[in-house]
Protein backbone atom coordinates (compact mmCIF):
# COMPACT_ATOMS: atom_id res chain seq x y z
CA UNK A 1 -0.02 0.03 -0.03
CA UNK A 2 2.57 2.33 1.07
CA UNK A 3 4.88 1.55 -2.14
CA UNK A 4 1.80 2.45 -4.23
CA UNK A 5 1.32 5.65 -2.73
CA UNK A 6 4.91 6.48 -2.80
CA UNK A 7 4.99 5.59 -6.44
CA UNK A 8 1.97 7.94 -7.02
CA UNK A 9 3.56 10.98 -5.26
CA UNK A 10 6.92 10.11 -7.22
CA UNK A 11 5.12 10.19 -10.53
CA UNK A 12 3.11 13.47 -9.60
CA UNK A 13 6.47 15.12 -8.76
CA UNK A 14 8.16 14.05 -12.04
CA UNK A 15 5.24 15.34 -14.07
CA UNK A 16 5.12 18.53 -12.26
CA UNK A 17 9.09 18.80 -12.61
CA UNK A 18 8.74 18.22 -16.35
CA UNK A 19 5.99 20.77 -16.73
CA UNK A 20 8.11 23.38 -14.87
CA UNK A 21 10.84 22.73 -17.08
CA UNK A 22 9.06 22.89 -20.10
CA UNK A 23 7.65 26.27 -19.02
CA UNK A 24 11.10 27.49 -18.15
CA UNK A 25 12.55 26.57 -21.48
CA UNK A 26 9.64 27.85 -23.41
CA UNK A 27 10.26 31.31 -21.67
CA UNK A 28 13.93 31.21 -22.16
CA UNK A 29 13.23 30.34 -25.85
CA UNK A 30 10.84 33.25 -26.26
CA UNK A 31 13.27 35.56 -24.52
CA UNK A 32 16.12 34.61 -26.67
CA UNK A 33 14.13 34.79 -29.87
CA UNK A 34 13.19 38.45 -29.10
CA UNK A 35 16.75 39.31 -27.97
CA UNK A 36 18.21 37.77 -31.23
CA UNK A 37 15.68 39.48 -33.43
CA UNK A 38 16.38 42.91 -31.91
CA UNK A 39 20.28 42.12 -32.41
CA UNK A 40 19.77 41.18 -35.88
CA UNK A 41 17.66 44.40 -36.73
CA UNK A 42 20.38 46.30 -34.92
CA UNK A 43 23.48 45.03 -36.73
CA UNK A 44 21.80 44.68 -40.03
CA UNK A 45 21.15 48.46 -40.07
CA UNK A 46 23.94 49.52 -37.96
CA UNK A 47 26.71 47.84 -39.92
CA UNK A 48 25.52 49.52 -42.98
CA UNK A 49 25.92 52.96 -41.54
CA UNK A 50 29.30 52.21 -40.12
CA UNK A 51 32.12 53.99 -42.33
CA UNK A 52 34.83 56.39 -41.65
CA UNK A 53 32.86 59.57 -42.22
CA UNK A 54 30.78 58.63 -39.14
CA UNK A 55 34.24 59.04 -37.06
CA UNK A 56 35.68 62.17 -38.89
CA UNK A 57 32.50 64.40 -39.73
CA UNK A 58 30.14 66.08 -37.34
CA UNK A 59 26.17 65.55 -37.37
CA UNK A 60 24.73 66.91 -40.43
CA UNK A 61 22.29 69.92 -40.76
CA UNK A 62 18.65 69.38 -41.40
CA UNK A 63 18.15 68.22 -45.16
CA UNK A 64 22.10 67.94 -45.80
CA UNK A 65 23.68 64.85 -47.01
CA UNK A 66 26.50 62.82 -45.41
CA UNK A 67 27.77 63.75 -42.07
CA UNK A 68 28.91 61.81 -39.03
CA UNK A 69 28.87 61.48 -35.32
CA UNK A 70 32.29 62.72 -34.31
CA UNK A 71 31.10 65.70 -32.13
CA UNK A 72 28.57 63.18 -30.42
CA UNK A 73 31.15 60.61 -29.70
CA UNK A 74 33.55 63.00 -28.36
CA UNK A 75 30.98 64.58 -26.22
CA UNK A 76 29.92 61.11 -24.84
CA UNK A 77 33.57 60.24 -24.12
CA UNK A 78 34.31 63.28 -22.40
CA UNK A 79 31.11 63.33 -20.05
CA UNK A 80 31.12 59.61 -19.22
CA UNK A 81 35.03 60.11 -18.49
CA UNK A 82 34.63 62.89 -16.19
CA UNK A 83 31.64 60.90 -14.43
CA UNK A 84 33.98 57.90 -13.89
CA UNK A 85 36.39 60.34 -12.46
CA UNK A 86 33.94 61.52 -9.98
CA UNK A 87 31.96 58.71 -9.05
CA UNK A 88 34.96 56.16 -8.72
CA UNK A 89 36.51 57.67 -5.60
CA UNK A 90 33.32 58.58 -3.99
CA UNK A 91 31.75 55.20 -4.60
CA UNK A 92 34.73 53.34 -3.42
CA UNK A 93 35.55 55.46 -0.28
CA UNK A 94 31.54 55.27 0.66
CA UNK A 95 31.65 51.42 0.36
CA UNK A 96 34.83 51.27 2.63
CA UNK A 97 33.09 53.36 5.15
CA UNK A 98 29.80 51.06 5.05
CA UNK A 99 31.79 48.00 5.49
CA UNK A 100 34.62 48.66 7.57
CA UNK A 101 33.37 51.59 9.92
CA UNK A 102 29.65 51.90 9.48
CA UNK A 103 28.22 48.45 10.55
CA UNK A 104 26.24 49.97 13.42
CA UNK A 105 26.21 53.59 12.51
CA UNK A 106 22.92 55.40 11.86
CA UNK A 107 24.66 57.33 9.28
CA UNK A 108 25.48 54.07 7.29
CA UNK A 109 22.02 53.05 7.48
CA UNK A 110 20.85 56.18 6.20
CA UNK A 111 23.37 55.82 3.52
CA UNK A 112 22.28 52.56 2.48
CA UNK A 113 18.47 53.54 2.44
CA UNK A 114 19.57 56.58 0.09
CA UNK A 115 21.52 54.29 -2.04
CA UNK A 116 18.68 51.64 -2.44
CA UNK A 117 16.38 54.63 -3.54
CA UNK A 118 19.04 56.07 -6.11
CA UNK A 119 19.55 52.79 -7.65
CA UNK A 120 15.83 51.88 -8.32
CA UNK A 121 14.84 55.48 -9.06
CA UNK A 122 14.13 56.39 -12.85
CA UNK A 123 17.10 57.96 -14.58
CA UNK A 124 14.91 60.80 -15.71
CA UNK A 125 14.12 61.80 -11.98
CA UNK A 126 17.70 62.30 -11.54
CA UNK A 127 17.93 64.34 -14.76
CA UNK A 128 15.24 66.54 -13.48
CA UNK A 129 17.01 67.13 -10.16
CA UNK A 130 20.20 68.02 -11.85
CA UNK A 131 18.51 70.21 -14.15
CA UNK A 132 16.84 72.30 -11.38
CA UNK A 133 20.04 72.79 -9.70
CA UNK A 134 22.62 73.06 -12.11
CA UNK A 135 20.86 74.14 -15.42
CA UNK A 136 17.81 76.19 -14.29
CA UNK A 137 19.68 78.15 -11.63
CA UNK A 138 22.60 78.84 -14.12
CA UNK A 139 20.44 79.35 -17.22
CA UNK A 140 22.15 77.14 -19.71
CA UNK A 141 22.70 73.36 -20.47
CA UNK A 142 26.27 72.05 -20.13
CA UNK A 143 28.50 69.06 -20.32
CA UNK A 144 29.28 69.45 -16.82
CA UNK A 145 25.45 69.07 -15.86
CA UNK A 146 25.31 66.06 -17.81
CA UNK A 147 28.44 64.43 -16.28
CA UNK A 148 26.73 65.39 -12.77
CA UNK A 149 23.58 63.55 -13.69
CA UNK A 150 25.59 60.59 -14.81
CA UNK A 151 27.89 60.51 -11.65
CA UNK A 152 24.47 60.34 -9.66
CA UNK A 153 23.56 57.13 -11.60
CA UNK A 154 27.00 55.54 -10.99
CA UNK A 155 27.72 56.35 -7.65
CA UNK A 156 25.46 54.06 -6.11
CA UNK A 157 26.32 51.34 -8.33
CA UNK A 158 29.79 51.57 -7.34
CA UNK A 159 29.05 52.11 -3.78
CA UNK A 160 26.72 48.96 -3.46
CA UNK A 161 29.42 46.66 -5.40
CA UNK A 162 32.17 47.78 -3.33
CA UNK A 163 30.37 47.33 -0.15
CA UNK A 164 29.23 43.61 -1.11
CA UNK A 165 32.70 42.80 -2.44
CA UNK A 166 34.65 44.05 0.73
CA UNK A 167 32.09 41.90 2.85
CA UNK A 168 33.16 38.67 0.97
CA UNK A 169 36.84 39.35 2.33
CA UNK A 170 37.64 36.59 5.10
CA UNK A 171 37.85 38.32 8.49
CA UNK A 172 41.13 36.41 8.90
CA UNK A 173 42.83 38.75 6.66
CA UNK A 174 41.81 41.85 8.77
CA UNK A 175 42.91 40.03 12.16
CA UNK A 176 46.39 39.11 10.65
CA UNK A 177 46.72 42.82 9.79
CA UNK A 178 45.55 44.12 13.04
CA UNK A 179 47.82 41.55 14.87
CA UNK A 180 50.72 42.91 13.06
CA UNK A 181 49.85 46.64 14.22
CA UNK A 182 48.25 47.89 11.29
CA UNK A 183 45.95 50.91 11.65
CA UNK A 184 42.27 50.38 10.57
CA UNK A 185 42.55 52.96 7.65
CA UNK A 186 45.66 50.98 6.19
CA UNK A 187 43.89 47.69 6.73
CA UNK A 188 40.83 48.91 4.97
CA UNK A 189 42.80 50.35 1.90
CA UNK A 190 46.06 48.15 1.50
CA UNK A 191 44.35 44.68 2.81
CA UNK A 192 40.58 44.17 2.15
CA UNK A 193 40.24 46.66 -0.68
CA UNK A 194 43.32 44.92 -2.59
CA UNK A 195 41.82 41.58 -1.92
CA UNK A 196 38.51 42.59 -3.45
CA UNK A 197 39.90 44.68 -6.23
CA UNK A 198 38.71 42.28 -9.04
CA UNK A 199 35.01 42.77 -7.68
CA UNK A 200 35.47 46.66 -7.32
CA UNK A 201 36.59 46.89 -10.98
CA UNK A 202 33.60 44.94 -11.99
CA UNK A 203 31.28 47.10 -10.20
CA UNK A 204 32.82 50.27 -11.84
CA UNK A 205 32.63 48.69 -15.33
CA UNK A 206 29.03 47.81 -14.92
CA UNK A 207 28.40 51.42 -13.75
CA UNK A 208 30.16 52.51 -16.93
CA UNK A 209 28.24 50.23 -19.10
CA UNK A 210 25.05 51.74 -17.59
CA UNK A 211 25.73 55.25 -17.92
CA UNK A 212 26.69 54.78 -21.41
CA UNK A 213 23.41 54.47 -22.80
CA UNK A 214 21.59 57.03 -20.67
CA UNK A 215 19.24 59.32 -22.66
CA UNK A 216 16.86 61.01 -20.36
CA UNK A 217 19.27 62.78 -18.01
CA UNK A 218 21.23 64.15 -20.59
CA UNK A 219 17.88 65.67 -22.32
CA UNK A 220 17.42 67.90 -19.26
CA UNK A 221 21.23 68.54 -18.66
CA UNK A 222 23.59 68.49 -21.53
CA UNK A 223 20.97 68.82 -24.29
CA UNK A 224 22.94 68.65 -27.55
CA UNK A 225 25.11 70.48 -30.00
CA UNK A 226 25.21 70.24 -33.74
CA UNK A 227 28.88 71.36 -34.03
CA UNK A 228 32.05 70.18 -32.53
CA UNK A 229 33.10 71.40 -29.12
CA UNK A 230 34.90 70.28 -26.19
CA UNK A 231 33.73 73.07 -23.88
CA UNK A 232 31.83 71.38 -21.27
CA UNK A 233 30.44 74.68 -19.95
CA UNK A 234 28.12 74.84 -22.78
CA UNK A 235 25.42 72.40 -24.62
CA UNK A 236 27.25 69.33 -25.47
CA UNK A 237 26.73 66.63 -28.31
CA UNK A 238 26.36 62.99 -27.11
CA UNK A 239 25.44 59.82 -28.73
CA UNK A 240 22.00 59.02 -26.88
CA UNK A 241 20.48 62.27 -27.37
CA UNK A 242 21.74 62.25 -31.07
CA UNK A 243 20.17 58.65 -31.57
CA UNK A 244 16.87 59.97 -30.05
CA UNK A 245 16.59 62.95 -32.25
CA UNK A 246 17.87 61.42 -35.32
CA UNK A 247 15.62 58.22 -35.16
CA UNK A 248 12.61 60.55 -34.91
CA UNK A 249 13.63 62.69 -37.93
CA UNK A 250 12.25 62.32 -41.52
CA UNK A 251 15.65 62.30 -43.24
CA UNK A 252 17.01 59.06 -44.28
CA UNK A 253 20.83 60.14 -43.48
CA UNK A 254 19.78 60.95 -39.91
CA UNK A 255 18.16 57.76 -39.38
CA UNK A 256 21.24 55.75 -40.85
CA UNK A 257 23.26 57.64 -38.56
CA UNK A 258 20.84 57.02 -35.71
CA UNK A 259 21.05 53.18 -36.47
CA UNK A 260 25.15 53.55 -36.45
CA UNK A 261 24.99 55.30 -33.08
CA UNK A 262 22.83 52.85 -31.45
CA UNK A 263 25.28 49.95 -32.67
CA UNK A 264 28.08 51.83 -31.28
CA UNK A 265 26.57 52.29 -27.76
CA UNK A 266 25.30 48.49 -27.72
CA UNK A 267 29.08 47.52 -28.73
CA UNK A 268 30.41 49.60 -25.96
CA UNK A 269 27.94 48.19 -23.38
CA UNK A 270 28.71 44.81 -24.66
CA UNK A 271 32.29 45.25 -24.36
CA UNK A 272 32.07 46.42 -20.66
CA UNK A 273 29.84 43.74 -19.64
CA UNK A 274 32.43 41.09 -21.21
CA UNK A 275 35.23 42.83 -19.38
CA UNK A 276 33.35 42.72 -16.16
CA UNK A 277 32.70 39.00 -16.52
CA UNK A 278 35.75 37.60 -18.04
CA UNK A 279 38.82 39.59 -17.23
CA UNK A 280 37.88 40.13 -13.54
CA UNK A 281 36.44 36.98 -12.42
CA UNK A 282 38.69 35.65 -10.11
CA UNK A 283 37.79 34.92 -6.81
CA UNK A 284 38.78 36.83 -3.64
CA UNK A 285 41.89 34.93 -2.04
CA UNK A 286 41.11 33.33 1.08
């Protein structure tokens, strides 16, 4: 009697397991099909737009032929680069504080709470915030305002990743350093941070990958510039906004450049994610 009951339960569990696997595989297949479809359309249209002029000529005027994305590429590199210079030390130092000094601190609790809010907040909200304090008060758009908005997006990512990676460092490393008479600040920077450097760099690369394709914050801060300019105190061209404007235009060459710019941004994000997962995947030393 018990054998028959156990067999029935076993068969029921196998059927449930099979149904779950079928549903999971079906969902995965649908997701992969949509992703491959998007990539196919992007590459088929984007590769046709990639040429030397895209990197040597500026965005064309309405109704004109030819043109490129040089000013937008340079503008994006400058704003993302400045954002990385600002967000990297702030995010890493904040992560060190939360891990090494703020376990039982009210300030750390508030910082974690604010960080979680910033991680989940829509990027357009951060863009509007920067617009209200750095654009509306000054009276003009600028590349500096765009970098500030991107930094507000990157800092929480770097901070949270740094904190999580430092918490994975074995406590024996800290105890050994303290036993040798090392001060706490040196243990935090020379021992634990060095042990978790791979994870910290991974978080930095993921933050760069995220801010590289942000459009909404730059619409309210850097806006755009049709001409080549390295003056970050004025409106500055950038790839996400140019892609948005060109894709909505009625001009064929603008639409072609939008596809090429979209492919460049996608490839940049893909490269950063590959670097984060391949070149910095070694585990923290025990």
